[in-house]
Amino acid sequence: MVIEAYGNRDDVQTRLYALCSFLLVQKSNTFFYFTRKDQAGALHWRPEWDVKLGKPLGPFQKLANGSYSRDFEKGKVLVNPLSTNAVVTGLSGYQNWVNGQQVNNLTLPPYSGALLTSN
């Protein structure tokens, strides 16, 4: 299965939302493709494609605040599909891939995703 997402290649929030949503459901025979509608077929490599999370440790979980989480060998993926902010707590031991900062709690804006790597 190929999951294809469209958006502005320079919009990090949209790219992370699409990638993290894919990683929630990824299995061995699923693939992710992100492009602009007017450049379908063009390959635009982005740094987040290289994040090494390792294998998933299980299926995704729906959190009490309506966001989703999935644990990996070397990190965690979070997705907020809601139209309001979602605060995720209990994240000590992780750092935000985007800025490298250690996180304990993270506020996810509406329609966003976060890649967290293990410390």
C-alpha atoms as a PDB file:
ATOM      1  CA  MET A   1       0.000   0.000   0.000  1.00  0.00           C
ATOM      2  CA  VAL A   2       1.233   3.490  -0.825  1.00  0.00           C
ATOM      3  CA  ILE A   3      -0.005   6.404   1.247  1.00  0.00           C
ATOM      4  CA  GLU A   4       0.296   9.581  -0.773  1.00  0.00           C
ATOM      5  CA  ALA A   5       0.017  13.049   0.761  1.00  0.00           C
ATOM      6  CA  TYR A   6       0.053  16.450  -0.902  1.00  0.00           C
ATOM      7  CA  GLY A   7       1.206  19.773   0.445  1.00  0.00           C
ATOM      8  CA  ASN A   8       3.707  22.579   0.233  1.00  0.00           C
ATOM      9  CA  ARG A   9       7.155  21.015   0.473  1.00  0.00           C
ATOM     10  CA  ASP A  10       8.332  23.915   2.675  1.00  0.00           C
ATOM     11  CA  ASP A  11       5.491  23.545   5.203  1.00  0.00           C
ATOM     12  CA  VAL A  12       7.125  21.490   7.955  1.00  0.00           C
ATOM     13  CA  GLN A  13       3.914  21.150  10.023  1.00  0.00           C
ATOM     14  CA  THR A  14       1.991  19.656   7.085  1.00  0.00           C
ATOM     15  CA  ARG A  15       4.840  17.294   6.195  1.00  0.00           C
ATOM     16  CA  LEU A  16       5.189  16.088   9.789  1.00  0.00           C
ATOM     17  CA  TYR A  17       1.425  15.641  10.138  1.00  0.00           C
ATOM     18  CA  ALA A  18       1.380  13.486   7.006  1.00  0.00           C
ATOM     19  CA  LEU A  19       4.527  11.504   7.894  1.00  0.00           C
ATOM     20  CA  CYS A  20       3.551  10.910  11.531  1.00  0.00           C
ATOM     21  CA  SER A  21       0.034   9.872  10.502  1.00  0.00           C
ATOM     22  CA  PHE A  22       1.598   7.355   8.136  1.00  0.00           C
ATOM     23  CA  LEU A  23       3.942   6.071  10.859  1.00  0.00           C
ATOM     24  CA  LEU A  24       0.947   5.413  13.125  1.00  0.00           C
ATOM     25  CA  VAL A  25      -0.311   2.735  10.727  1.00  0.00           C
ATOM     26  CA  GLN A  26       2.886   1.666   8.950  1.00  0.00           C
ATOM     27  CA  LYS A  27       3.394  -2.039   8.395  1.00  0.00           C
ATOM     28  CA  SER A  28       6.004  -3.953   6.414  1.00  0.00           C
ATOM     29  CA  ASN A  29       4.371  -3.394   3.023  1.00  0.00           C
ATOM     30  CA  THR A  30       3.299   0.250   3.332  1.00  0.00           C
ATOM     31  CA  PHE A  31       5.080   3.187   1.757  1.00  0.00           C
ATOM     32  CA  PHE A  32       4.861   6.964   2.133  1.00  0.00           C
ATOM     33  CA  TYR A  33       5.008   9.543  -0.631  1.00  0.00           C
ATOM     34  CA  PHE A  34       4.710  13.315  -0.111  1.00  0.00           C
ATOM     35  CA  THR A  35       4.640  15.809  -2.954  1.00  0.00           C
ATOM     36  CA  ARG A  36       3.008  18.963  -4.237  1.00  0.00           C
ATOM     37  CA  LYS A  37      -0.009  18.398  -6.467  1.00  0.00           C
ATOM     38  CA  ASP A  38       1.573  20.455  -9.234  1.00  0.00           C
ATOM     39  CA  GLN A  39       4.791  18.404  -9.043  1.00  0.00           C
ATOM     40  CA  ALA A  40       3.474  14.849  -8.756  1.00  0.00           C
ATOM     41  CA  GLY A  41       6.282  12.418  -9.420  1.00  0.00           C
ATOM     42  CA  ALA A  42       9.032  14.813  -8.318  1.00  0.00           C
ATOM     43  CA  LEU A  43      11.272  13.658  -5.467  1.00  0.00           C
ATOM     44  CA  HIS A  44      11.971  16.254  -2.783  1.00  0.00           C
ATOM     45  CA  TRP A  45      14.017  14.740   0.021  1.00  0.00           C
ATOM     46  CA  ARG A  46      13.467  16.233   3.459  1.00  0.00           C
ATOM     47  CA  PRO A  47      15.510  15.740   6.651  1.00  0.00           C
ATOM     48  CA  GLU A  48      12.687  14.025   8.553  1.00  0.00           C
ATOM     49  CA  TRP A  49      12.748  11.150   6.072  1.00  0.00           C
ATOM     50  CA  ASP A  50      16.125  10.178   7.610  1.00  0.00           C
ATOM     51  CA  VAL A  51      15.006  10.003  11.260  1.00  0.00           C
ATOM     52  CA  LYS A  52      15.882   6.547  12.608  1.00  0.00           C
ATOM     53  CA  LEU A  53      13.038   5.400  14.858  1.00  0.00           C
ATOM     54  CA  GLY A  54      13.658   1.670  14.537  1.00  0.00           C
ATOM     55  CA  LYS A  55      10.858  -0.872  14.499  1.00  0.00           C
ATOM     56  CA  PRO A  56       7.443  -0.168  16.006  1.00  0.00           C
ATOM     57  CA  LEU A  57       6.895  -1.697  19.430  1.00  0.00           C
ATOM     58  CA  GLY A  58       3.185  -2.230  18.863  1.00  0.00           C
ATOM     59  CA  PRO A  59       0.109  -0.615  17.343  1.00  0.00           C
ATOM     60  CA  PHE A  60      -0.832   3.030  17.817  1.00  0.00           C
ATOM     61  CA  GLN A  61      -2.707   4.144  20.917  1.00  0.00           C
ATOM     62  CA  LYS A  62      -5.437   6.756  21.181  1.00  0.00           C
ATOM     63  CA  LEU A  63      -4.690   9.061  24.109  1.00  0.00           C
ATOM     64  CA  ALA A  64      -7.318  10.493  26.465  1.00  0.00           C
ATOM     65  CA  ASN A  65      -6.988  13.955  24.875  1.00  0.00           C
ATOM     66  CA  GLY A  66      -7.893  12.613  21.397  1.00  0.00           C
ATOM     67  CA  SER A  67      -4.364  12.549  19.994  1.00  0.00           C
ATOM     68  CA  TYR A  68      -2.507   9.385  18.944  1.00  0.00           C
ATOM     69  CA  SER A  69       0.847   7.878  19.863  1.00  0.00           C
ATOM     70  CA  ARG A  70       2.994   4.997  18.664  1.00  0.00           C
ATOM     71  CA  ASP A  71       6.201   3.810  20.296  1.00  0.00           C
ATOM     72  CA  PHE A  72       9.259   2.735  18.323  1.00  0.00           C
ATOM     73  CA  GLU A  73      12.599   1.212  19.366  1.00  0.00           C
ATOM     74  CA  LYS A  74      14.302   4.615  19.218  1.00  0.00           C
ATOM     75  CA  GLY A  75      11.478   7.094  19.565  1.00  0.00           C
ATOM     76  CA  LYS A  76       7.820   7.967  19.537  1.00  0.00           C
ATOM     77  CA  VAL A  77       5.383   9.464  17.035  1.00  0.00           C
ATOM     78  CA  LEU A  78       2.523  11.744  18.078  1.00  0.00           C
ATOM     79  CA  VAL A  79      -0.391  12.981  15.954  1.00  0.00           C
ATOM     80  CA  ASN A  80      -3.076  15.525  16.784  1.00  0.00           C
ATOM     81  CA  PRO A  81      -5.974  15.179  14.300  1.00  0.00           C
ATOM     82  CA  LEU A  82      -8.135  17.636  16.247  1.00  0.00           C
ATOM     83  CA  SER A  83      -9.003  21.280  15.542  1.00  0.00           C
ATOM     84  CA  THR A  84      -7.711  22.266  19.009  1.00  0.00           C
ATOM     85  CA  ASN A  85      -4.336  21.963  20.747  1.00  0.00           C
ATOM     86  CA  ALA A  86      -3.537  18.653  22.451  1.00  0.00           C
ATOM     87  CA  VAL A  87      -1.122  18.483  25.391  1.00  0.00           C
ATOM     88  CA  VAL A  88       0.795  15.210  25.755  1.00  0.00           C
ATOM     89  CA  THR A  89       2.497  14.613  29.106  1.00  0.00           C
ATOM     90  CA  GLY A  90       4.924  12.018  30.463  1.00  0.00           C
ATOM     91  CA  LEU A  91       7.483  12.337  27.676  1.00  0.00           C
ATOM     92  CA  SER A  92      10.688  12.428  29.731  1.00  0.00           C
ATOM     93  CA  GLY A  93      13.472  10.566  27.957  1.00  0.00           C
ATOM     94  CA  TYR A  94      12.575  12.018  24.542  1.00  0.00           C
ATOM     95  CA  GLN A  95      13.709  14.956  22.512  1.00  0.00           C
ATOM     96  CA  ASN A  96      11.838  16.812  19.796  1.00  0.00           C
ATOM     97  CA  TRP A  97      13.419  15.980  16.449  1.00  0.00           C
ATOM     98  CA  VAL A  98      12.657  19.427  14.972  1.00  0.00           C
ATOM     99  CA  ASN A  99      14.633  21.441  17.532  1.00  0.00           C
ATOM    100  CA  GLY A 100      16.553  18.818  19.545  1.00  0.00           C
ATOM    101  CA  GLN A 101      15.053  20.011  22.828  1.00  0.00           C
ATOM    102  CA  GLN A 102      14.298  17.593  25.657  1.00  0.00           C
ATOM    103  CA  VAL A 103      10.589  17.276  26.291  1.00  0.00           C
ATOM    104  CA  ASN A 104       8.505  16.291  29.301  1.00  0.00           C
ATOM    105  CA  ASN A 105       5.261  17.697  27.930  1.00  0.00           C
ATOM    106  CA  LEU A 106       4.440  18.742  24.392  1.00  0.00           C
ATOM    107  CA  THR A 107       1.622  20.888  23.040  1.00  0.00           C
ATOM    108  CA  LEU A 108       0.610  19.703  19.590  1.00  0.00           C
ATOM    109  CA  PRO A 109      -1.116  22.357  17.469  1.00  0.00           C
ATOM    110  CA  PRO A 110      -4.232  21.353  15.524  1.00  0.00           C
ATOM    111  CA  TYR A 111      -3.567  18.927  12.660  1.00  0.00           C
ATOM    112  CA  SER A 112       0.067  18.329  13.515  1.00  0.00           C
ATOM    113  CA  GLY A 113       2.532  15.550  14.182  1.00  0.00           C
ATOM    114  CA  ALA A 114       5.727  15.220  16.193  1.00  0.00           C
ATOM    115  CA  LEU A 115       8.743  12.949  15.821  1.00  0.00           C
ATOM    116  CA  LEU A 116      10.437  12.302  19.149  1.00  0.00           C
ATOM    117  CA  THR A 117      13.725  10.485  19.431  1.00  0.00           C
ATOM    118  CA  SER A 118      14.953   8.641  22.521  1.00  0.00           C
ATOM    119  CA  ASN A 119      17.711  10.212  24.590  1.00  0.00           C
END
